[in-house]
Amino acid sequence: MTFWEETRSLPSLRLYQKPEPELGVSFLIPARQCDGLLERTVLLVRDYLRSQFPDDFEIIIIPNGARSGDDQTYEVAGALARRFAEVKLVPHKSPKGKGAALRTGFAQSLGRWVFFMDADLPYDITFFSVAARLLADGIDFVTGNRRLPQSCFSMPVSILPLAYRRHRIGLIFNRVVRWLFPIAVTDTQAGIKAMSRRIAEVAFSHQICPGFFFDIEFFLCSAGFRFRSAEIPVTLFLYNEKSTVELLKESILAAIWLGKILWKFNCGWYAVSNRHTTTMEIETQYPVSVEEKAE
């Protein structure tokens, strides 16, 4: 993915065909240059979902990188989709980026709840057991927070200096985010989230960022459209860290996207008062079921 590809805006979600929800859970896995890990991840996720939501889930793999000889992500994902009926392959082409890939995967999903995590499975998957209980209790948006006191990190000593530097940069970034926007959470960028389909529809349809900073838009939609949210601790397994060059690129992209998102926020884009979406429309399209209300 080139720098300029990641600064492109997304096409309207209305361009995608949206099936009616038919399953309990859609688990989205954006995948790029991870063919060596993808099969292990899908098998672990499948076993977990079968134990928690028997016959009521789907796993959607969304390859979002260029097809090349040294990247077999498409081939591995296709083989897994042919092997397991509950695994679906939904390729994503443009614009490139994790946020855009998740948006494409969501557009083809069938779950009343939407889970997602990175393809290298960096977090303890039991996060979703806690998240599911919260969703059943009426919470719409559950996110992991690496900075809660109960969160744990597992990593080799060799990457401690890089991990600590990344942690400090993350703290600075979060302070900037909380200064610019009415967001109280101390970790917007944890790549593990669970949500109801109602907030997923609203957040993805208001998303403009195709890359890593789409998370901020989800928090803004959660608050602006008056959804209930919760943050819970996570266990993170960290085996490598990003280079200085990657961090520099992300810093430049952060400045660009924070500016774009701030402009849209000031225009009321992420609030229920904007002319595109109302609370009544949200409730009409994705009403809370009788079972959910009873719980």
C-alpha atoms as a PDB file:
ATOM      1  CA  MET A   1       0.000   0.000   0.000  1.00  0.00           C
ATOM      2  CA  THR A   2       1.424   3.360  -1.017  1.00  0.00           C
ATOM      3  CA  PHE A   3       1.253   6.463   1.146  1.00  0.00           C
ATOM      4  CA  TRP A   4      -1.220   8.189  -1.168  1.00  0.00           C
ATOM      5  CA  GLU A   5      -3.478   5.133  -1.397  1.00  0.00           C
ATOM      6  CA  GLU A   6      -4.023   5.344   2.337  1.00  0.00           C
ATOM      7  CA  THR A   7      -5.078   9.008   2.132  1.00  0.00           C
ATOM      8  CA  ARG A   8      -7.948   8.339  -0.281  1.00  0.00           C
ATOM      9  CA  SER A   9     -11.530   8.647   0.846  1.00  0.00           C
ATOM     10  CA  LEU A  10     -13.918   5.713   0.839  1.00  0.00           C
ATOM     11  CA  PRO A  11     -16.819   5.216  -1.567  1.00  0.00           C
ATOM     12  CA  SER A  12     -20.330   5.233  -0.128  1.00  0.00           C
ATOM     13  CA  LEU A  13     -21.353   2.110   1.758  1.00  0.00           C
ATOM     14  CA  ARG A  14     -24.615   2.328  -0.164  1.00  0.00           C
ATOM     15  CA  LEU A  15     -22.754   0.928  -3.166  1.00  0.00           C
ATOM     16  CA  TYR A  16     -22.570  -2.444  -1.430  1.00  0.00           C
ATOM     17  CA  GLN A  17     -25.377  -4.958  -1.264  1.00  0.00           C
ATOM     18  CA  LYS A  18     -26.404  -5.381   2.383  1.00  0.00           C
ATOM     19  CA  PRO A  19     -27.882  -8.768   3.290  1.00  0.00           C
ATOM     20  CA  GLU A  20     -30.319  -9.052   6.164  1.00  0.00           C
ATOM     21  CA  PRO A  21     -28.806 -10.287   9.459  1.00  0.00           C
ATOM     22  CA  GLU A  22     -29.284 -14.044   9.748  1.00  0.00           C
ATOM     23  CA  LEU A  23     -26.562 -15.163  12.178  1.00  0.00           C
ATOM     24  CA  GLY A  24     -25.515 -14.381  15.708  1.00  0.00           C
ATOM     25  CA  VAL A  25     -21.903 -13.350  15.047  1.00  0.00           C
ATOM     26  CA  SER A  26     -19.806 -12.180  12.123  1.00  0.00           C
ATOM     27  CA  PHE A  27     -16.076 -12.359  12.888  1.00  0.00           C
ATOM     28  CA  LEU A  28     -14.109 -10.128  10.485  1.00  0.00           C
ATOM     29  CA  ILE A  29     -10.404 -10.807   9.833  1.00  0.00           C
ATOM     30  CA  PRO A  30      -8.582  -8.277   7.609  1.00  0.00           C
ATOM     31  CA  ALA A  31      -5.601 -10.103   6.095  1.00  0.00           C
ATOM     32  CA  ARG A  32      -2.494  -8.762   4.385  1.00  0.00           C
ATOM     33  CA  GLN A  33       0.807 -10.615   3.942  1.00  0.00           C
ATOM     34  CA  CYS A  34      -0.083 -13.078   6.681  1.00  0.00           C
ATOM     35  CA  ASP A  35      -0.462 -16.356   4.798  1.00  0.00           C
ATOM     36  CA  GLY A  36       1.865 -18.108   7.266  1.00  0.00           C
ATOM     37  CA  LEU A  37      -0.399 -17.223  10.223  1.00  0.00           C
ATOM     38  CA  LEU A  38      -3.825 -17.139   8.636  1.00  0.00           C
ATOM     39  CA  GLU A  39      -4.706 -20.838   8.823  1.00  0.00           C
ATOM     40  CA  ARG A  40      -3.714 -21.074  12.498  1.00  0.00           C
ATOM     41  CA  THR A  41      -5.745 -17.954  13.298  1.00  0.00           C
ATOM     42  CA  VAL A  42      -8.867 -19.126  11.485  1.00  0.00           C
ATOM     43  CA  LEU A  43      -8.728 -22.568  13.119  1.00  0.00           C
ATOM     44  CA  LEU A  44      -8.408 -21.029  16.588  1.00  0.00           C
ATOM     45  CA  VAL A  45     -11.199 -18.532  15.941  1.00  0.00           C
ATOM     46  CA  ARG A  46     -13.439 -21.258  14.493  1.00  0.00           C
ATOM     47  CA  ASP A  47     -12.914 -23.562  17.480  1.00  0.00           C
ATOM     48  CA  TYR A  48     -13.638 -20.701  19.870  1.00  0.00           C
ATOM     49  CA  LEU A  49     -16.797 -19.575  18.068  1.00  0.00           C
ATOM     50  CA  ARG A  50     -18.076 -23.161  17.828  1.00  0.00           C
ATOM     51  CA  SER A  51     -17.792 -23.451  21.617  1.00  0.00           C
ATOM     52  CA  GLN A  52     -19.550 -20.131  22.255  1.00  0.00           C
ATOM     53  CA  PHE A  53     -22.022 -19.726  19.352  1.00  0.00           C
ATOM     54  CA  PRO A  54     -22.649 -23.211  17.873  1.00  0.00           C
ATOM     55  CA  ASP A  55     -23.886 -23.064  14.252  1.00  0.00           C
ATOM     56  CA  ASP A  56     -24.603 -19.351  14.637  1.00  0.00           C
ATOM     57  CA  PHE A  57     -21.507 -17.602  13.297  1.00  0.00           C
ATOM     58  CA  GLU A  58     -19.444 -16.837  10.226  1.00  0.00           C
ATOM     59  CA  ILE A  59     -15.783 -15.972   9.758  1.00  0.00           C
ATOM     60  CA  ILE A  60     -15.102 -13.438   7.016  1.00  0.00           C
ATOM     61  CA  ILE A  61     -11.535 -13.174   5.723  1.00  0.00           C
ATOM     62  CA  ILE A  62     -10.852  -9.931   3.850  1.00  0.00           C
ATOM     63  CA  PRO A  63      -7.557  -9.966   1.903  1.00  0.00           C
ATOM     64  CA  ASN A  64      -6.594  -6.349   1.251  1.00  0.00           C
ATOM     65  CA  GLY A  65      -3.141  -6.419  -0.290  1.00  0.00           C
ATOM     66  CA  ALA A  66      -1.830  -6.723  -3.821  1.00  0.00           C
ATOM     67  CA  ARG A  67      -1.687 -10.299  -5.093  1.00  0.00           C
ATOM     68  CA  SER A  68       1.958 -11.266  -5.566  1.00  0.00           C
ATOM     69  CA  GLY A  69       4.105 -14.368  -5.741  1.00  0.00           C
ATOM     70  CA  ASP A  70       5.438 -13.978  -2.214  1.00  0.00           C
ATOM     71  CA  ASP A  71       2.041 -13.313  -0.618  1.00  0.00           C
ATOM     72  CA  GLN A  72      -0.281 -16.316  -0.594  1.00  0.00           C
ATOM     73  CA  THR A  73      -3.001 -14.694   1.548  1.00  0.00           C
ATOM     74  CA  TYR A  74      -5.663 -15.010  -1.166  1.00  0.00           C
ATOM     75  CA  GLU A  75      -4.791 -18.644  -1.831  1.00  0.00           C
ATOM     76  CA  VAL A  76      -4.790 -19.617   1.861  1.00  0.00           C
ATOM     77  CA  ALA A  77      -8.050 -17.744   2.488  1.00  0.00           C
ATOM     78  CA  GLY A  78      -9.678 -19.394  -0.515  1.00  0.00           C
ATOM     79  CA  ALA A  79      -8.598 -22.853   0.644  1.00  0.00           C
ATOM     80  CA  LEU A  80     -10.040 -22.207   4.097  1.00  0.00           C
ATOM     81  CA  ALA A  81     -13.334 -20.985   2.619  1.00  0.00           C
ATOM     82  CA  ARG A  82     -13.624 -24.168   0.550  1.00  0.00           C
ATOM     83  CA  ARG A  83     -12.739 -26.306   3.559  1.00  0.00           C
ATOM     84  CA  PHE A  84     -15.208 -24.805   6.055  1.00  0.00           C
ATOM     85  CA  ALA A  85     -18.782 -23.761   5.260  1.00  0.00           C
ATOM     86  CA  GLU A  86     -18.732 -21.046   7.929  1.00  0.00           C
ATOM     87  CA  VAL A  87     -15.640 -19.347   6.460  1.00  0.00           C
ATOM     88  CA  LYS A  88     -16.236 -16.739   3.753  1.00  0.00           C
ATOM     89  CA  LEU A  89     -13.689 -15.029   1.476  1.00  0.00           C
ATOM     90  CA  VAL A  90     -14.493 -11.383   0.681  1.00  0.00           C
ATOM     91  CA  PRO A  91     -11.618  -9.768  -1.262  1.00  0.00           C
ATOM     92  CA  HIS A  92     -11.109  -6.023  -0.913  1.00  0.00           C
ATOM     93  CA  LYS A  93      -9.518  -4.011  -3.722  1.00  0.00           C
ATOM     94  CA  SER A  94      -9.586  -0.239  -3.234  1.00  0.00           C
ATOM     95  CA  PRO A  95      -8.865   1.967  -1.439  1.00  0.00           C
ATOM     96  CA  LYS A  96      -6.374  -0.130   0.471  1.00  0.00           C
ATOM     97  CA  GLY A  97      -6.222  -0.124   4.267  1.00  0.00           C
ATOM     98  CA  LYS A  98      -7.462  -2.000   7.303  1.00  0.00           C
ATOM     99  CA  GLY A  99     -10.471   0.225   7.839  1.00  0.00           C
ATOM    100  CA  ALA A 100     -11.561  -0.051   4.216  1.00  0.00           C
ATOM    101  CA  ALA A 101     -11.143  -3.845   4.286  1.00  0.00           C
ATOM    102  CA  LEU A 102     -13.286  -4.161   7.412  1.00  0.00           C
ATOM    103  CA  ARG A 103     -15.936  -2.002   5.766  1.00  0.00           C
ATOM    104  CA  THR A 104     -16.044  -4.308   2.737  1.00  0.00           C
ATOM    105  CA  GLY A 105     -16.260  -7.367   4.976  1.00  0.00           C
ATOM    106  CA  PHE A 106     -19.051  -5.861   7.056  1.00  0.00           C
ATOM    107  CA  ALA A 107     -21.055  -5.056   3.925  1.00  0.00           C
ATOM    108  CA  GLN A 108     -21.188  -8.798   3.138  1.00  0.00           C
ATOM    109  CA  SER A 109     -21.765  -9.970   6.710  1.00  0.00           C
ATOM    110  CA  LEU A 110     -24.876 -11.587   8.189  1.00  0.00           C
ATOM    111  CA  GLY A 111     -24.287 -11.282  11.935  1.00  0.00           C
ATOM    112  CA  ARG A 112     -26.329  -9.357  14.490  1.00  0.00           C
ATOM    113  CA  TRP A 113     -23.053  -8.874  16.364  1.00  0.00           C
ATOM    114  CA  VAL A 114     -19.819  -7.931  14.618  1.00  0.00           C
ATOM    115  CA  PHE A 115     -16.414  -8.888  16.036  1.00  0.00           C
ATOM    116  CA  PHE A 116     -13.018  -8.102  14.562  1.00  0.00           C
ATOM    117  CA  MET A 117      -9.344  -8.618  15.303  1.00  0.00           C
ATOM    118  CA  ASP A 118      -6.105  -8.655  13.290  1.00  0.00           C
ATOM    119  CA  ALA A 119      -5.053 -11.769  11.379  1.00  0.00           C
ATOM    120  CA  ASP A 120      -2.045 -12.468  13.605  1.00  0.00           C
ATOM    121  CA  LEU A 121      -4.413 -12.923  16.578  1.00  0.00           C
ATOM    122  CA  PRO A 122      -2.478 -10.594  18.903  1.00  0.00           C
ATOM    123  CA  TYR A 123      -5.046 -10.636  21.718  1.00  0.00           C
ATOM    124  CA  ASP A 124      -6.479 -13.297  23.989  1.00  0.00           C
ATOM    125  CA  ILE A 125      -9.670 -14.312  22.183  1.00  0.00           C
ATOM    126  CA  THR A 126     -11.615 -14.723  25.434  1.00  0.00           C
ATOM    127  CA  PHE A 127     -12.088 -10.937  25.191  1.00  0.00           C
ATOM    128  CA  PHE A 128     -15.140 -11.773  23.088  1.00  0.00           C
ATOM    129  CA  SER A 129     -16.727 -13.856  25.844  1.00  0.00           C
ATOM    130  CA  VAL A 130     -16.807 -10.790  28.093  1.00  0.00           C
ATOM    131  CA  ALA A 131     -17.872  -8.594  25.171  1.00  0.00           C
ATOM    132  CA  ALA A 132     -20.748 -10.941  24.298  1.00  0.00           C
ATOM    133  CA  ARG A 133     -22.155 -10.673  27.828  1.00  0.00           C
ATOM    134  CA  LEU A 134     -22.027  -6.885  27.603  1.00  0.00           C
ATOM    135  CA  LEU A 135     -23.702  -6.873  24.180  1.00  0.00           C
ATOM    136  CA  ALA A 136     -26.441  -9.150  25.512  1.00  0.00           C
ATOM    137  CA  ASP A 137     -26.985  -6.645  28.338  1.00  0.00           C
ATOM    138  CA  GLY A 138     -27.645  -3.831  25.850  1.00  0.00           C
ATOM    139  CA  ILE A 139     -24.168  -2.382  25.255  1.00  0.00           C
ATOM    140  CA  ASP A 140     -23.645  -1.594  21.559  1.00  0.00           C
ATOM    141  CA  PHE A 141     -19.888  -0.991  21.364  1.00  0.00           C
ATOM    142  CA  VAL A 142     -17.190  -2.888  23.299  1.00  0.00           C
ATOM    143  CA  THR A 143     -13.526  -2.080  22.812  1.00  0.00           C
ATOM    144  CA  GLY A 144     -10.311  -3.379  24.316  1.00  0.00           C
ATOM    145  CA  ASN A 145      -8.115  -0.984  26.247  1.00  0.00           C
ATOM    146  CA  ARG A 146      -4.419  -1.819  26.608  1.00  0.00           C
ATOM    147  CA  ARG A 147      -3.954   0.917  29.199  1.00  0.00           C
ATOM    148  CA  LEU A 148      -6.381  -0.322  31.804  1.00  0.00           C
ATOM    149  CA  PRO A 149      -4.585  -1.549  34.967  1.00  0.00           C
ATOM    150  CA  GLN A 150      -5.913  -5.097  34.454  1.00  0.00           C
ATOM    151  CA  SER A 151      -4.507  -5.410  30.910  1.00  0.00           C
ATOM    152  CA  CYS A 152      -1.469  -7.670  30.412  1.00  0.00           C
ATOM    153  CA  PHE A 153       1.378  -7.803  27.865  1.00  0.00           C
ATOM    154  CA  SER A 154       3.360 -10.857  26.853  1.00  0.00           C
ATOM    155  CA  MET A 155       6.529 -10.185  24.830  1.00  0.00           C
ATOM    156  CA  PRO A 156      10.180 -11.228  24.495  1.00  0.00           C
ATOM    157  CA  VAL A 157      12.756  -9.080  26.261  1.00  0.00           C
ATOM    158  CA  SER A 158      14.401  -8.250  22.919  1.00  0.00           C
ATOM    159  CA  ILE A 159      11.573  -5.936  21.825  1.00  0.00           C
ATOM    160  CA  LEU A 160      10.982  -4.198  25.154  1.00  0.00           C
ATOM    161  CA  PRO A 161      12.774  -0.944  24.084  1.00  0.00           C
ATOM    162  CA  LEU A 162      10.769  -0.722  20.843  1.00  0.00           C
ATOM    163  CA  ALA A 163       7.525  -1.618  22.622  1.00  0.00           C
ATOM    164  CA  TYR A 164       8.097   1.021  25.276  1.00  0.00           C
ATOM    165  CA  ARG A 165       8.809   3.660  22.625  1.00  0.00           C
ATOM    166  CA  ARG A 166       5.614   2.668  20.828  1.00  0.00           C
ATOM    167  CA  HIS A 167       3.728   2.898  24.117  1.00  0.00           C
ATOM    168  CA  ARG A 168       4.982   6.447  24.736  1.00  0.00           C
ATOM    169  CA  ILE A 169       4.050   7.525  21.201  1.00  0.00           C
ATOM    170  CA  GLY A 170       0.619   5.988  21.709  1.00  0.00           C
ATOM    171  CA  LEU A 171       0.104   7.984  24.895  1.00  0.00           C
ATOM    172  CA  ILE A 172       0.967  11.218  23.095  1.00  0.00           C
ATOM    173  CA  PHE A 173      -1.337  10.354  20.211  1.00  0.00           C
ATOM    174  CA  ASN A 174      -4.194   9.587  22.597  1.00  0.00           C
ATOM    175  CA  ARG A 175      -3.748  12.900  24.401  1.00  0.00           C
ATOM    176  CA  VAL A 176      -3.981  14.707  21.066  1.00  0.00           C
ATOM    177  CA  VAL A 177      -7.142  12.757  20.183  1.00  0.00           C
ATOM    178  CA  ARG A 178      -8.772  13.571  23.517  1.00  0.00           C
ATOM    179  CA  TRP A 179      -7.776  17.236  23.125  1.00  0.00           C
ATOM    180  CA  LEU A 180      -9.346  17.453  19.653  1.00  0.00           C
ATOM    181  CA  PHE A 181     -12.448  15.342  20.227  1.00  0.00           C
ATOM    182  CA  PRO A 182     -14.903  14.562  23.061  1.00  0.00           C
ATOM    183  CA  ILE A 183     -13.397  11.094  23.566  1.00  0.00           C
ATOM    184  CA  ALA A 184     -12.580   9.948  27.085  1.00  0.00           C
ATOM    185  CA  VAL A 185     -11.167   6.461  26.386  1.00  0.00           C
ATOM    186  CA  THR A 186      -7.387   6.198  26.811  1.00  0.00           C
ATOM    187  CA  ASP A 187      -6.845   3.688  23.992  1.00  0.00           C
ATOM    188  CA  THR A 188      -8.718   4.243  20.737  1.00  0.00           C
ATOM    189  CA  GLN A 189      -6.377   2.155  18.562  1.00  0.00           C
ATOM    190  CA  ALA A 190      -6.575  -1.323  20.107  1.00  0.00           C
ATOM    191  CA  GLY A 191      -7.308  -3.613  17.173  1.00  0.00           C
ATOM    192  CA  ILE A 192      -9.993  -5.659  18.899  1.00  0.00           C
ATOM    193  CA  LYS A 193     -13.652  -4.648  19.059  1.00  0.00           C
ATOM    194  CA  ALA A 194     -17.150  -6.098  19.312  1.00  0.00           C
ATOM    195  CA  MET A 195     -20.373  -4.280  18.452  1.00  0.00           C
ATOM    196  CA  SER A 196     -24.030  -4.596  17.607  1.00  0.00           C
ATOM    197  CA  ARG A 197     -24.996  -4.424  13.968  1.00  0.00           C
ATOM    198  CA  ARG A 198     -26.831  -1.163  14.624  1.00  0.00           C
ATOM    199  CA  ILE A 199     -23.715   0.770  15.558  1.00  0.00           C
ATOM    200  CA  ALA A 200     -21.650  -1.044  12.912  1.00  0.00           C
ATOM    201  CA  GLU A 201     -24.051   0.139  10.205  1.00  0.00           C
ATOM    202  CA  VAL A 202     -23.901   3.722  11.438  1.00  0.00           C
ATOM    203  CA  ALA A 203     -20.132   3.808  12.005  1.00  0.00           C
ATOM    204  CA  PHE A 204     -19.122   2.139   8.745  1.00  0.00           C
ATOM    205  CA  SER A 205     -21.509   4.315   6.723  1.00  0.00           C
ATOM    206  CA  HIS A 206     -19.976   7.454   8.278  1.00  0.00           C
ATOM    207  CA  GLN A 207     -16.387   6.231   7.982  1.00  0.00           C
ATOM    208  CA  ILE A 208     -14.088   8.250   5.711  1.00  0.00           C
ATOM    209  CA  CYS A 209     -10.654   6.864   6.709  1.00  0.00           C
ATOM    210  CA  PRO A 210      -9.510   3.667   4.950  1.00  0.00           C
ATOM    211  CA  GLY A 211      -6.500   3.119   7.200  1.00  0.00           C
ATOM    212  CA  PHE A 212      -5.714   2.624  10.870  1.00  0.00           C
ATOM    213  CA  PHE A 213      -7.384   5.779  12.181  1.00  0.00           C
ATOM    214  CA  PHE A 214     -10.942   4.700  11.386  1.00  0.00           C
ATOM    215  CA  ASP A 215     -11.228   3.661  15.076  1.00  0.00           C
ATOM    216  CA  ILE A 216     -11.565   7.316  16.072  1.00  0.00           C
ATOM    217  CA  GLU A 217     -14.628   7.604  13.846  1.00  0.00           C
ATOM    218  CA  PHE A 218     -16.232   4.646  15.642  1.00  0.00           C
ATOM    219  CA  PHE A 219     -15.805   6.332  19.016  1.00  0.00           C
ATOM    220  CA  LEU A 220     -17.238   9.578  17.635  1.00  0.00           C
ATOM    221  CA  CYS A 221     -20.258   7.753  16.172  1.00  0.00           C
ATOM    222  CA  SER A 222     -20.789   5.861  19.414  1.00  0.00           C
ATOM    223  CA  ALA A 223     -21.040   9.128  21.334  1.00  0.00           C
ATOM    224  CA  GLY A 224     -22.686  11.224  18.629  1.00  0.00           C
ATOM    225  CA  PHE A 225     -25.444   8.700  17.888  1.00  0.00           C
ATOM    226  CA  ARG A 226     -25.954   7.934  21.595  1.00  0.00           C
ATOM    227  CA  PHE A 227     -24.987   4.286  21.646  1.00  0.00           C
ATOM    228  CA  ARG A 228     -23.947   2.622  24.891  1.00  0.00           C
ATOM    229  CA  SER A 229     -20.271   1.658  25.030  1.00  0.00           C
ATOM    230  CA  ALA A 230     -17.820  -0.123  27.325  1.00  0.00           C
ATOM    231  CA  GLU A 231     -14.076  -0.717  27.452  1.00  0.00           C
ATOM    232  CA  ILE A 232     -12.511  -3.821  28.953  1.00  0.00           C
ATOM    233  CA  PRO A 233      -8.932  -4.993  29.646  1.00  0.00           C
ATOM    234  CA  VAL A 234      -7.058  -7.223  27.216  1.00  0.00           C
ATOM    235  CA  THR A 235      -4.123  -9.594  27.117  1.00  0.00           C
ATOM    236  CA  LEU A 236      -1.778  -8.680  24.258  1.00  0.00           C
ATOM    237  CA  PHE A 237       0.782 -11.057  22.763  1.00  0.00           C
ATOM    238  CA  LEU A 238       3.508  -8.954  21.167  1.00  0.00           C
ATOM    239  CA  TYR A 239       6.197 -10.727  19.137  1.00  0.00           C
ATOM    240  CA  ASN A 240       7.563  -7.907  16.977  1.00  0.00           C
ATOM    241  CA  GLU A 241       7.414  -4.143  16.781  1.00  0.00           C
ATOM    242  CA  LYS A 242       7.240  -1.516  14.052  1.00  0.00           C
ATOM    243  CA  SER A 243      10.325   0.171  12.637  1.00  0.00           C
ATOM    244  CA  THR A 244      11.158   3.875  12.907  1.00  0.00           C
ATOM    245  CA  VAL A 245      10.255   4.354   9.229  1.00  0.00           C
ATOM    246  CA  GLU A 246       6.797   2.837   9.763  1.00  0.00           C
ATOM    247  CA  LEU A 247       6.244   5.020  12.824  1.00  0.00           C
ATOM    248  CA  LEU A 248       7.223   8.130  10.838  1.00  0.00           C
ATOM    249  CA  LYS A 249       4.789   7.217   8.059  1.00  0.00           C
ATOM    250  CA  GLU A 250       2.006   6.620  10.587  1.00  0.00           C
ATOM    251  CA  SER A 251       2.714   9.998  12.221  1.00  0.00           C
ATOM    252  CA  ILE A 252       2.265  11.787   8.896  1.00  0.00           C
ATOM    253  CA  LEU A 253      -0.908   9.840   8.141  1.00  0.00           C
ATOM    254  CA  ALA A 254      -2.201  10.595  11.638  1.00  0.00           C
ATOM    255  CA  ALA A 255      -1.815  14.340  11.044  1.00  0.00           C
ATOM    256  CA  ILE A 256      -3.647  14.104   7.714  1.00  0.00           C
ATOM    257  CA  TRP A 257      -6.512  11.985   8.999  1.00  0.00           C
ATOM    258  CA  LEU A 258      -6.958  13.801  12.286  1.00  0.00           C
ATOM    259  CA  GLY A 259      -7.400  16.966  10.232  1.00  0.00           C
ATOM    260  CA  LYS A 260      -9.955  15.343   7.915  1.00  0.00           C
ATOM    261  CA  ILE A 261     -11.880  13.705  10.747  1.00  0.00           C
ATOM    262  CA  LEU A 262     -11.862  16.941  12.765  1.00  0.00           C
ATOM    263  CA  TRP A 263     -13.338  18.829   9.821  1.00  0.00           C
ATOM    264  CA  LYS A 264     -16.126  16.245   9.413  1.00  0.00           C
ATOM    265  CA  PHE A 265     -16.733  16.273  13.173  1.00  0.00           C
ATOM    266  CA  ASN A 266     -17.118  20.048  13.216  1.00  0.00           C
ATOM    267  CA  CYS A 267     -19.628  19.702  10.359  1.00  0.00           C
ATOM    268  CA  GLY A 268     -21.730  17.380  12.555  1.00  0.00           C
ATOM    269  CA  TRP A 269     -21.009  14.293  10.458  1.00  0.00           C
ATOM    270  CA  TYR A 270     -20.658  11.945  13.439  1.00  0.00           C
ATOM    271  CA  ALA A 271     -23.756  13.105  15.327  1.00  0.00           C
ATOM    272  CA  VAL A 272     -27.383  12.040  15.331  1.00  0.00           C
ATOM    273  CA  SER A 273     -28.396  15.587  14.391  1.00  0.00           C
ATOM    274  CA  ASN A 274     -26.821  15.402  10.929  1.00  0.00           C
ATOM    275  CA  ARG A 275     -29.220  15.293   7.996  1.00  0.00           C
ATOM    276  CA  HIS A 276     -28.160  11.823   6.799  1.00  0.00           C
ATOM    277  CA  THR A 277     -29.164   9.687   9.776  1.00  0.00           C
ATOM    278  CA  THR A 278     -31.563  10.029  12.687  1.00  0.00           C
ATOM    279  CA  THR A 279     -32.155   7.967  15.779  1.00  0.00           C
ATOM    280  CA  MET A 280     -35.554   6.923  14.407  1.00  0.00           C
ATOM    281  CA  GLU A 281     -33.937   5.658  11.198  1.00  0.00           C
ATOM    282  CA  ILE A 282     -31.419   3.625  13.207  1.00  0.00           C
ATOM    283  CA  GLU A 283     -34.146   2.057  15.351  1.00  0.00           C
ATOM    284  CA  THR A 284     -36.319   1.360  12.286  1.00  0.00           C
ATOM    285  CA  GLN A 285     -33.546  -0.340  10.296  1.00  0.00           C
ATOM    286  CA  TYR A 286     -32.000  -2.299  13.195  1.00  0.00           C
ATOM    287  CA  PRO A 287     -34.512  -2.459  16.062  1.00  0.00           C
ATOM    288  CA  VAL A 288     -33.643  -4.123  19.344  1.00  0.00           C
ATOM    289  CA  SER A 289     -35.252  -7.568  19.336  1.00  0.00           C
ATOM    290  CA  VAL A 290     -37.733  -8.730  21.946  1.00  0.00           C
ATOM    291  CA  GLU A 291     -35.150 -11.227  23.215  1.00  0.00           C
ATOM    292  CA  GLU A 292     -32.512  -8.504  23.639  1.00  0.00           C
ATOM    293  CA  LYS A 293     -34.968  -6.283  25.510  1.00  0.00           C
ATOM    294  CA  ALA A 294     -35.909  -9.155  27.790  1.00  0.00           C
ATOM    295  CA  GLU A 295     -32.270  -9.760  28.657  1.00  0.00           C
END
